[in-house]
């Protein structure tokens, strides 16, 4: 794991929410509370292991709350913390940018072989 050497707030913040899946998870959780299997279904291609890892990291960053009901069968819910909710306007702006610049985004993704 590489150590951060920058004091740049943007780079440091991006480190907390970066990764292939974290922004998607945060966006889903901005709409409602999810149980693990519900998020998995909503995310599609993500593996159980990766979803679990990404959720653990978001919980550790205090952006997501994991509520364990201590029941059998197990019932665990995930939702945005107060700090996580502060990201909603930023995520909304990124989504607007993506819609406004769809051609540019799609061109880049095609060039990189991602679509």
Protein backbone atom coordinates (compact mmCIF):
# COMPACT_ATOMS: atom_id res chain seq x y z
CA UNK A 1 0.00 0.00 0.00
CA UNK A 2 1.47 3.35 -0.99
CA UNK A 3 1.70 6.18 1.50
CA UNK A 4 0.25 9.58 0.64
CA UNK A 5 2.86 12.30 0.47
CA UNK A 6 0.59 15.13 -0.56
CA UNK A 7 -1.22 17.68 1.57
CA UNK A 8 -3.57 18.53 -1.32
CA UNK A 9 -7.13 18.26 0.08
CA UNK A 10 -8.51 17.14 -3.28
CA UNK A 11 -6.04 14.27 -3.65
CA UNK A 12 -6.48 13.20 -0.04
CA UNK A 13 -10.29 13.29 -0.34
CA UNK A 14 -10.20 11.37 -3.62
CA UNK A 15 -8.18 8.67 -1.87
CA UNK A 16 -11.08 8.08 0.54
CA UNK A 17 -13.76 7.69 -2.16
CA UNK A 18 -11.66 6.37 -5.05
CA UNK A 19 -11.95 2.88 -6.40
CA UNK A 20 -14.05 1.25 -9.05
CA UNK A 21 -17.10 0.76 -6.84
CA UNK A 22 -17.15 3.26 -3.97
CA UNK A 23 -18.83 6.10 -5.86
CA UNK A 24 -21.48 3.69 -7.17
CA UNK A 25 -22.10 2.36 -3.65
CA UNK A 26 -22.32 5.87 -2.21
CA UNK A 27 -24.73 6.88 -4.97
CA UNK A 28 -26.99 3.89 -4.28
CA UNK A 29 -26.93 4.60 -0.54
CA UNK A 30 -27.77 8.25 -1.17
CA UNK A 31 -31.22 7.09 -2.32
CA UNK A 32 -32.10 4.68 0.52
CA UNK A 33 -30.95 2.11 3.07
CA UNK A 34 -29.85 -1.24 1.62
CA UNK A 35 -29.24 -4.72 2.92
CA UNK A 36 -26.11 -6.44 1.61
CA UNK A 37 -27.86 -8.65 -0.96
CA UNK A 38 -29.92 -5.71 -2.21
CA UNK A 39 -26.80 -3.68 -2.92
CA UNK A 40 -25.21 -6.70 -4.60
CA UNK A 41 -28.23 -7.09 -6.89
CA UNK A 42 -28.33 -3.36 -7.66
CA UNK A 43 -24.60 -3.24 -8.47
CA UNK A 44 -24.55 -6.13 -10.93
CA UNK A 45 -20.97 -7.08 -11.80
CA UNK A 46 -19.37 -6.55 -8.38
CA UNK A 47 -18.25 -9.68 -6.55
CA UNK A 48 -19.38 -10.42 -2.99
CA UNK A 49 -15.76 -10.15 -1.82
CA UNK A 50 -15.23 -6.76 -3.48
CA UNK A 51 -18.56 -5.37 -2.23
CA UNK A 52 -17.74 -6.49 1.29
CA UNK A 53 -14.28 -4.90 1.08
CA UNK A 54 -15.57 -1.62 -0.33
CA UNK A 55 -18.34 -1.38 2.28
CA UNK A 56 -15.83 -2.07 5.09
CA UNK A 57 -13.60 0.72 3.80
CA UNK A 58 -16.53 3.15 3.57
CA UNK A 59 -17.62 2.23 7.10
CA UNK A 60 -14.05 2.71 8.34
CA UNK A 61 -14.00 6.14 6.67
CA UNK A 62 -17.22 7.04 8.56
CA UNK A 63 -19.10 7.62 5.30
CA UNK A 64 -21.40 4.61 5.69
CA UNK A 65 -23.06 3.14 8.76
CA UNK A 66 -23.42 -0.62 9.13
CA UNK A 67 -26.41 -1.51 11.31
CA UNK A 68 -26.31 -5.11 12.58
CA UNK A 69 -29.63 -6.17 14.09
CA UNK A 70 -28.10 -9.22 15.84
CA UNK A 71 -30.83 -11.51 14.49
CA UNK A 72 -30.98 -15.01 13.09
CA UNK A 73 -30.95 -15.09 10.15
CA UNK A 74 -28.52 -12.16 10.09
CA UNK A 75 -29.95 -8.78 9.18
CA UNK A 76 -27.49 -6.01 8.35
CA UNK A 77 -28.33 -2.67 6.75
CA UNK A 78 -26.11 0.01 5.26
CA UNK A 79 -26.87 3.71 4.96
CA UNK A 80 -25.00 6.98 4.62
CA UNK A 81 -23.66 8.62 7.75
CA UNK A 82 -24.02 12.35 8.31
CA UNK A 83 -20.57 12.79 6.75
CA UNK A 84 -21.52 10.50 3.86
CA UNK A 85 -24.60 12.63 3.15
CA UNK A 86 -22.35 15.65 2.61
CA UNK A 87 -21.10 13.90 -0.55
CA UNK A 88 -24.57 13.78 -2.17
CA UNK A 89 -24.36 17.24 -3.83
CA UNK A 90 -20.87 16.41 -5.13
CA UNK A 91 -22.02 13.08 -6.55
CA UNK A 92 -25.02 14.83 -8.13
CA UNK A 93 -22.68 17.33 -9.83
CA UNK A 94 -20.43 14.55 -11.14
CA UNK A 95 -23.52 12.83 -12.55
CA UNK A 96 -24.65 16.07 -14.23
CA UNK A 97 -21.18 16.49 -15.70
CA UNK A 98 -21.34 12.92 -17.05
CA UNK A 99 -24.73 13.55 -18.66
CA UNK A 100 -23.63 16.88 -20.15
CA UNK A 101 -20.39 15.36 -21.49
CA UNK A 102 -21.74 11.94 -22.49
CA UNK A 103 -20.10 11.99 -25.93
CA UNK A 104 -16.69 12.82 -24.48
CA UNK A 105 -17.04 10.17 -21.74
CA UNK A 106 -18.22 7.49 -24.18
CA UNK A 107 -15.44 8.33 -26.64
CA UNK A 108 -12.83 8.00 -23.92
CA UNK A 109 -14.28 4.73 -22.62
CA UNK A 110 -14.36 3.27 -26.15
CA UNK A 111 -10.75 4.35 -26.72
CA UNK A 112 -9.73 2.64 -23.46
CA UNK A 113 -11.65 -0.54 -24.43
CA UNK A 114 -14.06 -0.23 -21.51
CA UNK A 115 -17.24 -0.18 -23.61
